[in-house]
Amino acid sequence: MQTRIAGPYDMARQNEYFGGWVRPADDPRSIVMAFPVEGWTHSAAVVLRQHAGTATVSGEVYGSGAGEAAWRQALAALSLDEDGSGFPRVGRPTR
């Protein structure tokens, strides 16, 4: 699966903020998540990876038929399900 994200995002930095999602030792731009899928009777594992220097996140979903729902839920957990392009302006003083 693949998603193009809007706004600045650095998965390695995001991982530091959350205190360390599980990730492959050799790939700081990847996160591995396992969770019960909302509205589903099973759990899923999702591996997300950001391609260096791009706004593209790709990955795989492992689980019993919950592919698209699990992918969307993983993106939401990382706030990648919304347009973040306005985020840099948050907190800037207005004139």
PDB file of N, CA and C in Angstrom:
ATOM      1  N   MET A   1       0.849  -1.162   0.000  1.00  0.00           N
ATOM      2  CA  MET A   1       0.000   0.000   0.000  1.00  0.00           C
ATOM      3  C   MET A   1       0.905   1.239   0.000  1.00  0.00           C
ATOM      4  N   GLN A   2       0.340   2.331  -0.471  1.00  0.00           N
ATOM      5  CA  GLN A   2       1.139   3.554  -0.556  1.00  0.00           C
ATOM      6  C   GLN A   2       0.232   4.762  -0.389  1.00  0.00           C
ATOM      7  N   THR A   3       0.751   5.778   0.278  1.00  0.00           N
ATOM      8  CA  THR A   3       0.012   7.016   0.509  1.00  0.00           C
ATOM      9  C   THR A   3       0.952   8.191   0.330  1.00  0.00           C
ATOM     10  N   ARG A   4       0.457   9.203  -0.324  1.00  0.00           N
ATOM     11  CA  ARG A   4       1.192  10.463  -0.442  1.00  0.00           C
ATOM     12  C   ARG A   4       0.683  11.366   0.669  1.00  0.00           C
ATOM     13  N   ILE A   5       1.578  11.908   1.475  1.00  0.00           N
ATOM     14  CA  ILE A   5       1.172  12.733   2.607  1.00  0.00           C
ATOM     15  C   ILE A   5       1.316  14.208   2.268  1.00  0.00           C
ATOM     16  N   ALA A   6       0.462  15.020   2.877  1.00  0.00           N
ATOM     17  CA  ALA A   6       0.485  16.462   2.643  1.00  0.00           C
ATOM     18  C   ALA A   6       1.092  17.142   3.864  1.00  0.00           C
ATOM     19  N   GLY A   7       2.079  17.948   3.632  1.00  0.00           N
ATOM     20  CA  GLY A   7       2.717  18.662   4.729  1.00  0.00           C
ATOM     21  C   GLY A   7       4.036  18.035   5.119  1.00  0.00           C
ATOM     22  N   PRO A   8       4.785  18.726   5.961  1.00  0.00           N
ATOM     23  CA  PRO A   8       6.088  18.212   6.373  1.00  0.00           C
ATOM     24  C   PRO A   8       5.928  17.010   7.300  1.00  0.00           C
ATOM     25  N   TYR A   9       6.745  15.999   7.105  1.00  0.00           N
ATOM     26  CA  TYR A   9       6.667  14.811   7.958  1.00  0.00           C
ATOM     27  C   TYR A   9       7.986  14.060   7.862  1.00  0.00           C
ATOM     28  N   ASP A  10       8.476  13.631   8.994  1.00  0.00           N
ATOM     29  CA  ASP A  10       9.702  12.846   9.060  1.00  0.00           C
ATOM     30  C   ASP A  10       9.440  11.678  10.000  1.00  0.00           C
ATOM     31  N   MET A  11       9.290  10.495   9.444  1.00  0.00           N
ATOM     32  CA  MET A  11       8.917   9.329  10.237  1.00  0.00           C
ATOM     33  C   MET A  11       9.946   9.007  11.314  1.00  0.00           C
ATOM     34  N   ALA A  12      11.211   9.189  11.036  1.00  0.00           N
ATOM     35  CA  ALA A  12      12.237   8.923  12.043  1.00  0.00           C
ATOM     36  C   ALA A  12      12.068   9.883  13.222  1.00  0.00           C
ATOM     37  N   ARG A  13      11.791  11.133  12.950  1.00  0.00           N
ATOM     38  CA  ARG A  13      11.566  12.129  14.012  1.00  0.00           C
ATOM     39  C   ARG A  13      10.285  11.827  14.766  1.00  0.00           C
ATOM     40  N   GLN A  14       9.249  11.434  14.060  1.00  0.00           N
ATOM     41  CA  GLN A  14       7.975  11.068  14.681  1.00  0.00           C
ATOM     42  C   GLN A  14       8.181   9.911  15.652  1.00  0.00           C
ATOM     43  N   ASN A  15       9.029   8.987  15.279  1.00  0.00           N
ATOM     44  CA  ASN A  15       9.308   7.842  16.140  1.00  0.00           C
ATOM     45  C   ASN A  15       9.959   8.300  17.442  1.00  0.00           C
ATOM     46  N   GLU A  16      10.826   9.273  17.390  1.00  0.00           N
ATOM     47  CA  GLU A  16      11.443   9.827  18.606  1.00  0.00           C
ATOM     48  C   GLU A  16      10.387  10.481  19.495  1.00  0.00           C
ATOM     49  N   TYR A  17       9.455  11.200  18.897  1.00  0.00           N
ATOM     50  CA  TYR A  17       8.423  11.905  19.638  1.00  0.00           C
ATOM     51  C   TYR A  17       7.555  10.940  20.437  1.00  0.00           C
ATOM     52  N   PHE A  18       7.194   9.825  19.847  1.00  0.00           N
ATOM     53  CA  PHE A  18       6.334   8.853  20.509  1.00  0.00           C
ATOM     54  C   PHE A  18       7.106   7.948  21.457  1.00  0.00           C
ATOM     55  N   GLY A  19       8.399   8.126  21.562  1.00  0.00           N
ATOM     56  CA  GLY A  19       9.176   7.331  22.502  1.00  0.00           C
ATOM     57  C   GLY A  19       9.656   6.012  21.948  1.00  0.00           C
ATOM     58  N   GLY A  20       9.513   5.816  20.689  1.00  0.00           N
ATOM     59  CA  GLY A  20      10.087   4.637  20.058  1.00  0.00           C
ATOM     60  C   GLY A  20       9.103   3.550  19.679  1.00  0.00           C
ATOM     61  N   TRP A  21       8.473   3.689  18.526  1.00  0.00           N
ATOM     62  CA  TRP A  21       7.691   2.587  17.976  1.00  0.00           C
ATOM     63  C   TRP A  21       8.680   1.482  17.642  1.00  0.00           C
ATOM     64  N   VAL A  22       8.203   0.281  17.557  1.00  0.00           N
ATOM     65  CA  VAL A  22       9.052  -0.826  17.125  1.00  0.00           C
ATOM     66  C   VAL A  22       9.435  -0.567  15.673  1.00  0.00           C
ATOM     67  N   ARG A  23      10.695  -0.815  15.350  1.00  0.00           N
ATOM     68  CA  ARG A  23      11.137  -0.625  13.961  1.00  0.00           C
ATOM     69  C   ARG A  23      12.249  -1.607  13.664  1.00  0.00           C
ATOM     70  N   PRO A  24      12.447  -1.904  12.398  1.00  0.00           N
ATOM     71  CA  PRO A  24      13.590  -2.732  12.037  1.00  0.00           C
ATOM     72  C   PRO A  24      14.880  -2.005  12.423  1.00  0.00           C
ATOM     73  N   ALA A  25      15.830  -2.713  12.979  1.00  0.00           N
ATOM     74  CA  ALA A  25      17.075  -2.109  13.471  1.00  0.00           C
ATOM     75  C   ALA A  25      17.835  -1.359  12.385  1.00  0.00           C
ATOM     76  N   ASP A  26      17.723  -1.810  11.156  1.00  0.00           N
ATOM     77  CA  ASP A  26      18.494  -1.198  10.076  1.00  0.00           C
ATOM     78  C   ASP A  26      17.713  -0.151   9.283  1.00  0.00           C
ATOM     79  N   ASP A  27      16.509   0.222   9.752  1.00  0.00           N
ATOM     80  CA  ASP A  27      15.684   1.132   8.974  1.00  0.00           C
ATOM     81  C   ASP A  27      14.967   2.149   9.870  1.00  0.00           C
ATOM     82  N   PRO A  28      15.598   3.286  10.192  1.00  0.00           N
ATOM     83  CA  PRO A  28      14.977   4.262  11.089  1.00  0.00           C
ATOM     84  C   PRO A  28      13.749   4.949  10.492  1.00  0.00           C
ATOM     85  N   ARG A  29      13.522   4.814   9.208  1.00  0.00           N
ATOM     86  CA  ARG A  29      12.364   5.437   8.580  1.00  0.00           C
ATOM     87  C   ARG A  29      11.175   4.485   8.488  1.00  0.00           C
ATOM     88  N   SER A  30      11.208   3.398   9.259  1.00  0.00           N
ATOM     89  CA  SER A  30      10.098   2.449   9.286  1.00  0.00           C
ATOM     90  C   SER A  30       9.534   2.339  10.685  1.00  0.00           C
ATOM     91  N   ILE A  31       8.254   2.036  10.748  1.00  0.00           N
ATOM     92  CA  ILE A  31       7.559   1.797  12.008  1.00  0.00           C
ATOM     93  C   ILE A  31       6.737   0.532  11.833  1.00  0.00           C
ATOM     94  N   VAL A  32       6.731  -0.313  12.860  1.00  0.00           N
ATOM     95  CA  VAL A  32       5.919  -1.523  12.868  1.00  0.00           C
ATOM     96  C   VAL A  32       4.875  -1.364  13.963  1.00  0.00           C
ATOM     97  N   MET A  33       3.610  -1.562  13.606  1.00  0.00           N
ATOM     98  CA  MET A  33       2.518  -1.434  14.568  1.00  0.00           C
ATOM     99  C   MET A  33       1.672  -2.699  14.542  1.00  0.00           C
ATOM    100  N   ALA A  34       1.156  -3.099  15.696  1.00  0.00           N
ATOM    101  CA  ALA A  34       0.189  -4.189  15.781  1.00  0.00           C
ATOM    102  C   ALA A  34      -0.949  -3.713  16.661  1.00  0.00           C
ATOM    103  N   PHE A  35      -2.184  -3.938  16.230  1.00  0.00           N
ATOM    104  CA  PHE A  35      -3.337  -3.420  16.963  1.00  0.00           C
ATOM    105  C   PHE A  35      -4.610  -4.131  16.515  1.00  0.00           C
ATOM    106  N   PRO A  36      -5.646  -4.108  17.376  1.00  0.00           N
ATOM    107  CA  PRO A  36      -6.952  -4.598  16.946  1.00  0.00           C
ATOM    108  C   PRO A  36      -7.556  -3.584  15.979  1.00  0.00           C
ATOM    109  N   VAL A  37      -8.087  -4.046  14.884  1.00  0.00           N
ATOM    110  CA  VAL A  37      -8.639  -3.155  13.864  1.00  0.00           C
ATOM    111  C   VAL A  37     -10.069  -2.783  14.241  1.00  0.00           C
ATOM    112  N   GLU A  38     -10.343  -1.485  14.237  1.00  0.00           N
ATOM    113  CA  GLU A  38     -11.677  -1.001  14.583  1.00  0.00           C
ATOM    114  C   GLU A  38     -12.723  -1.594  13.650  1.00  0.00           C
ATOM    115  N   GLY A  39     -13.807  -2.101  14.236  1.00  0.00           N
ATOM    116  CA  GLY A  39     -14.884  -2.662  13.437  1.00  0.00           C
ATOM    117  C   GLY A  39     -14.582  -4.027  12.861  1.00  0.00           C
ATOM    118  N   TRP A  40     -13.509  -4.632  13.277  1.00  0.00           N
ATOM    119  CA  TRP A  40     -13.078  -5.913  12.747  1.00  0.00           C
ATOM    120  C   TRP A  40     -12.904  -6.878  13.911  1.00  0.00           C
ATOM    121  N   THR A  41     -12.933  -8.155  13.659  1.00  0.00           N
ATOM    122  CA  THR A  41     -12.821  -9.135  14.742  1.00  0.00           C
ATOM    123  C   THR A  41     -11.404  -9.640  14.949  1.00  0.00           C
ATOM    124  N   HIS A  42     -10.461  -9.128  14.188  1.00  0.00           N
ATOM    125  CA  HIS A  42      -9.075  -9.584  14.279  1.00  0.00           C
ATOM    126  C   HIS A  42      -8.126  -8.400  14.452  1.00  0.00           C
ATOM    127  N   SER A  43      -6.900  -8.740  14.724  1.00  0.00           N
ATOM    128  CA  SER A  43      -5.840  -7.730  14.795  1.00  0.00           C
ATOM    129  C   SER A  43      -5.034  -7.741  13.511  1.00  0.00           C
ATOM    130  N   ALA A  44      -4.220  -6.724  13.345  1.00  0.00           N
ATOM    131  CA  ALA A  44      -3.359  -6.630  12.165  1.00  0.00           C
ATOM    132  C   ALA A  44      -2.009  -6.066  12.594  1.00  0.00           C
ATOM    133  N   ALA A  45      -1.013  -6.319  11.789  1.00  0.00           N
ATOM    134  CA  ALA A  45       0.298  -5.690  11.928  1.00  0.00           C
ATOM    135  C   ALA A  45       0.524  -4.877  10.658  1.00  0.00           C
ATOM    136  N   VAL A  46       1.037  -3.668  10.834  1.00  0.00           N
ATOM    137  CA  VAL A  46       1.278  -2.786   9.696  1.00  0.00           C
ATOM    138  C   VAL A  46       2.720  -2.295   9.771  1.00  0.00           C
ATOM    139  N   VAL A  47       3.411  -2.401   8.654  1.00  0.00           N
ATOM    140  CA  VAL A  47       4.765  -1.858   8.532  1.00  0.00           C
ATOM    141  C   VAL A  47       4.653  -0.658   7.608  1.00  0.00           C
ATOM    142  N   LEU A  48       5.054   0.510   8.114  1.00  0.00           N
ATOM    143  CA  LEU A  48       5.033   1.730   7.315  1.00  0.00           C
ATOM    144  C   LEU A  48       6.455   2.205   7.133  1.00  0.00           C
ATOM    145  N   ARG A  49       6.763   2.691   5.954  1.00  0.00           N
ATOM    146  CA  ARG A  49       8.112   3.214   5.712  1.00  0.00           C
ATOM    147  C   ARG A  49       8.022   4.454   4.842  1.00  0.00           C
ATOM    148  N   GLN A  50       8.777   5.462   5.264  1.00  0.00           N
ATOM    149  CA  GLN A  50       8.832   6.701   4.485  1.00  0.00           C
ATOM    150  C   GLN A  50      10.064   6.658   3.610  1.00  0.00           C
ATOM    151  N   HIS A  51       9.880   6.996   2.369  1.00  0.00           N
ATOM    152  CA  HIS A  51      10.994   7.025   1.430  1.00  0.00           C
ATOM    153  C   HIS A  51      11.773   8.322   1.651  1.00  0.00           C
ATOM    154  N   ALA A  52      13.054   8.215   1.844  1.00  0.00           N
ATOM    155  CA  ALA A  52      13.914   9.364   2.175  1.00  0.00           C
ATOM    156  C   ALA A  52      13.686  10.521   1.221  1.00  0.00           C
ATOM    157  N   GLY A  53      13.472  11.693   1.813  1.00  0.00           N
ATOM    158  CA  GLY A  53      13.339  12.913   1.033  1.00  0.00           C
ATOM    159  C   GLY A  53      12.041  13.038   0.260  1.00  0.00           C
ATOM    160  N   THR A  54      11.052  12.207   0.554  1.00  0.00           N
ATOM    161  CA  THR A  54       9.790  12.269  -0.182  1.00  0.00           C
ATOM    162  C   THR A  54       8.612  12.404   0.781  1.00  0.00           C
ATOM    163  N   ALA A  55       7.468  12.646   0.207  1.00  0.00           N
ATOM    164  CA  ALA A  55       6.223  12.706   0.974  1.00  0.00           C
ATOM    165  C   ALA A  55       5.421  11.437   0.720  1.00  0.00           C
ATOM    166  N   THR A  56       6.109  10.325   0.532  1.00  0.00           N
ATOM    167  CA  THR A  56       5.449   9.058   0.255  1.00  0.00           C
ATOM    168  C   THR A  56       5.702   8.074   1.382  1.00  0.00           C
ATOM    169  N   VAL A  57       4.629   7.467   1.852  1.00  0.00           N
ATOM    170  CA  VAL A  57       4.708   6.411   2.851  1.00  0.00           C
ATOM    171  C   VAL A  57       4.138   5.156   2.214  1.00  0.00           C
ATOM    172  N   SER A  58       4.881   4.070   2.295  1.00  0.00           N
ATOM    173  CA  SER A  58       4.394   2.803   1.768  1.00  0.00           C
ATOM    174  C   SER A  58       4.523   1.750   2.847  1.00  0.00           C
ATOM    175  N   GLY A  59       3.947   0.605   2.599  1.00  0.00           N
ATOM    176  CA  GLY A  59       4.057  -0.446   3.586  1.00  0.00           C
ATOM    177  C   GLY A  59       3.201  -1.648   3.277  1.00  0.00           C
ATOM    178  N   GLU A  60       3.163  -2.536   4.255  1.00  0.00           N
ATOM    179  CA  GLU A  60       2.429  -3.773   4.120  1.00  0.00           C
ATOM    180  C   GLU A  60       1.527  -3.952   5.329  1.00  0.00           C
ATOM    181  N   VAL A  61       0.414  -4.623   5.105  1.00  0.00           N
ATOM    182  CA  VAL A  61      -0.512  -4.973   6.182  1.00  0.00           C
ATOM    183  C   VAL A  61      -0.522  -6.484   6.291  1.00  0.00           C
ATOM    184  N   TYR A  62      -0.366  -6.972   7.503  1.00  0.00           N
ATOM    185  CA  TYR A  62      -0.403  -8.405   7.773  1.00  0.00           C
ATOM    186  C   TYR A  62      -1.562  -8.664   8.720  1.00  0.00           C
ATOM    187  N   GLY A  63      -2.443  -9.546   8.352  1.00  0.00           N
ATOM    188  CA  GLY A  63      -3.585  -9.857   9.197  1.00  0.00           C
ATOM    189  C   GLY A  63      -4.668 -10.519   8.384  1.00  0.00           C
ATOM    190  N   SER A  64      -5.714 -10.819   9.038  1.00  0.00           N
ATOM    191  CA  SER A  64      -6.786 -11.601   8.449  1.00  0.00           C
ATOM    192  C   SER A  64      -7.803 -10.736   7.709  1.00  0.00           C
ATOM    193  N   GLY A  65      -7.496 -10.327   6.496  1.00  0.00           N
ATOM    194  CA  GLY A  65      -8.448  -9.641   5.638  1.00  0.00           C
ATOM    195  C   GLY A  65      -8.785  -8.199   5.992  1.00  0.00           C
ATOM    196  N   ALA A  66      -8.027  -7.555   6.859  1.00  0.00           N
ATOM    197  CA  ALA A  66      -8.358  -6.196   7.295  1.00  0.00           C
ATOM    198  C   ALA A  66      -7.505  -5.154   6.609  1.00  0.00           C
ATOM    199  N   GLY A  67      -6.976  -5.448   5.442  1.00  0.00           N
ATOM    200  CA  GLY A  67      -5.983  -4.610   4.787  1.00  0.00           C
ATOM    201  C   GLY A  67      -6.238  -3.125   4.760  1.00  0.00           C
ATOM    202  N   GLU A  68      -7.255  -2.675   4.041  1.00  0.00           N
ATOM    203  CA  GLU A  68      -7.499  -1.237   3.870  1.00  0.00           C
ATOM    204  C   GLU A  68      -7.868  -0.575   5.197  1.00  0.00           C
ATOM    205  N   ALA A  69      -8.690  -1.224   6.008  1.00  0.00           N
ATOM    206  CA  ALA A  69      -9.088  -0.648   7.301  1.00  0.00           C
ATOM    207  C   ALA A  69      -7.878  -0.509   8.228  1.00  0.00           C
ATOM    208  N   ALA A  70      -7.017  -1.506   8.248  1.00  0.00           N
ATOM    209  CA  ALA A  70      -5.822  -1.453   9.097  1.00  0.00           C
ATOM    210  C   ALA A  70      -4.871  -0.366   8.604  1.00  0.00           C
ATOM    211  N   TRP A  71      -4.718  -0.236   7.301  1.00  0.00           N
ATOM    212  CA  TRP A  71      -3.848   0.800   6.733  1.00  0.00           C
ATOM    213  C   TRP A  71      -4.339   2.188   7.148  1.00  0.00           C
ATOM    214  N   ARG A  72      -5.642   2.436   6.992  1.00  0.00           N
ATOM    215  CA  ARG A  72      -6.208   3.741   7.364  1.00  0.00           C
ATOM    216  C   ARG A  72      -6.044   4.014   8.857  1.00  0.00           C
ATOM    217  N   GLN A  73      -6.223   2.986   9.679  1.00  0.00           N
ATOM    218  CA  GLN A  73      -6.085   3.164  11.125  1.00  0.00           C
ATOM    219  C   GLN A  73      -4.633   3.482  11.502  1.00  0.00           C
ATOM    220  N   ALA A  74      -3.680   2.833  10.854  1.00  0.00           N
ATOM    221  CA  ALA A  74      -2.263   3.121  11.123  1.00  0.00           C
ATOM    222  C   ALA A  74      -1.920   4.549  10.708  1.00  0.00           C
ATOM    223  N   LEU A  75      -2.409   4.984   9.561  1.00  0.00           N
ATOM    224  CA  LEU A  75      -2.173   6.360   9.121  1.00  0.00           C
ATOM    225  C   LEU A  75      -2.773   7.353  10.110  1.00  0.00           C
ATOM    226  N   ALA A  76      -3.962   7.062  10.626  1.00  0.00           N
ATOM    227  CA  ALA A  76      -4.607   7.951  11.597  1.00  0.00           C
ATOM    228  C   ALA A  76      -3.803   8.026  12.894  1.00  0.00           C
ATOM    229  N   ALA A  77      -3.234   6.918  13.335  1.00  0.00           N
ATOM    230  CA  ALA A  77      -2.439   6.911  14.567  1.00  0.00           C
ATOM    231  C   ALA A  77      -1.225   7.823  14.452  1.00  0.00           C
ATOM    232  N   LEU A  78      -0.726   8.004  13.240  1.00  0.00           N
ATOM    233  CA  LEU A  78       0.435   8.853  13.000  1.00  0.00           C
ATOM    234  C   LEU A  78       0.042  10.234  12.466  1.00  0.00           C
ATOM    235  N   SER A  79      -1.253  10.521  12.469  1.00  0.00           N
ATOM    236  CA  SER A  79      -1.797  11.795  11.964  1.00  0.00           C
ATOM    237  C   SER A  79      -1.478  12.016  10.493  1.00  0.00           C
ATOM    238  N   LEU A  80      -1.388  10.938   9.738  1.00  0.00           N
ATOM    239  CA  LEU A  80      -1.126  11.042   8.305  1.00  0.00           C
ATOM    240  C   LEU A  80      -2.406  10.952   7.480  1.00  0.00           C
ATOM    241  N   ASP A  81      -3.535  10.904   8.153  1.00  0.00           N
ATOM    242  CA  ASP A  81      -4.809  10.806   7.463  1.00  0.00           C
ATOM    243  C   ASP A  81      -5.425  12.171   7.167  1.00  0.00           C
ATOM    244  N   GLU A  82      -4.754  13.228   7.585  1.00  0.00           N
ATOM    245  CA  GLU A  82      -5.243  14.592   7.373  1.00  0.00           C
ATOM    246  C   GLU A  82      -4.174  15.416   6.663  1.00  0.00           C
ATOM    247  N   ASP A  83      -4.599  16.488   6.043  1.00  0.00           N
ATOM    248  CA  ASP A  83      -3.681  17.402   5.364  1.00  0.00           C
ATOM    249  C   ASP A  83      -2.905  18.190   6.420  1.00  0.00           C
ATOM    250  N   GLY A  84      -1.613  17.993   6.480  1.00  0.00           N
ATOM    251  CA  GLY A  84      -0.780  18.672   7.462  1.00  0.00           C
ATOM    252  C   GLY A  84      -0.017  19.849   6.902  1.00  0.00           C
ATOM    253  N   SER A  85      -0.376  20.295   5.713  1.00  0.00           N
ATOM    254  CA  SER A  85       0.401  21.364   5.080  1.00  0.00           C
ATOM    255  C   SER A  85       0.336  22.682   5.849  1.00  0.00           C
ATOM    256  N   GLY A  86      -0.705  22.900   6.655  1.00  0.00           N
ATOM    257  CA  GLY A  86      -0.807  24.136   7.427  1.00  0.00           C
ATOM    258  C   GLY A  86      -0.111  24.058   8.772  1.00  0.00           C
ATOM    259  N   PHE A  87       0.396  22.905   9.137  1.00  0.00           N
ATOM    260  CA  PHE A  87       1.003  22.722  10.452  1.00  0.00           C
ATOM    261  C   PHE A  87       2.151  23.685  10.767  1.00  0.00           C
ATOM    262  N   PRO A  88       3.044  23.973   9.829  1.00  0.00           N
ATOM    263  CA  PRO A  88       4.150  24.895  10.147  1.00  0.00           C
ATOM    264  C   PRO A  88       3.669  26.285  10.581  1.00  0.00           C
ATOM    265  N   ARG A  89       2.475  26.693  10.170  1.00  0.00           N
ATOM    266  CA  ARG A  89       1.965  28.011  10.552  1.00  0.00           C
ATOM    267  C   ARG A  89       1.385  28.038  11.954  1.00  0.00           C
ATOM    268  N   VAL A  90       1.101  26.871  12.517  1.00  0.00           N
ATOM    269  CA  VAL A  90       0.513  26.800  13.856  1.00  0.00           C
ATOM    270  C   VAL A  90       1.522  27.346  14.869  1.00  0.00           C
ATOM    271  N   GLY A  91       1.104  28.242  15.682  1.00  0.00           N
ATOM    272  CA  GLY A  91       1.974  28.799  16.711  1.00  0.00           C
ATOM    273  C   GLY A  91       2.799  29.996  16.286  1.00  0.00           C
ATOM    274  N   ARG A  92       2.789  30.314  15.011  1.00  0.00           N
ATOM    275  CA  ARG A  92       3.494  31.519  14.570  1.00  0.00           C
ATOM    276  C   ARG A  92       2.720  32.749  15.016  1.00  0.00           C
ATOM    277  N   PRO A  93       3.415  33.764  15.451  1.00  0.00           N
ATOM    278  CA  PRO A  93       2.708  34.995  15.845  1.00  0.00           C
ATOM    279  C   PRO A  93       2.018  35.637  14.640  1.00  0.00           C
ATOM    280  N   THR A  94       0.877  36.188  14.891  1.00  0.00           N
ATOM    281  CA  THR A  94       0.183  36.911  13.813  1.00  0.00           C
ATOM    282  C   THR A  94       0.574  38.379  13.889  1.00  0.00           C
ATOM    283  N   ARG A  95       0.488  39.042  12.802  1.00  0.00           N
ATOM    284  CA  ARG A  95       0.866  40.464  12.768  1.00  0.00           C
ATOM    285  C   ARG A  95      -0.329  41.308  12.542  1.00  0.00           C
TER     286      ARG A  95
END
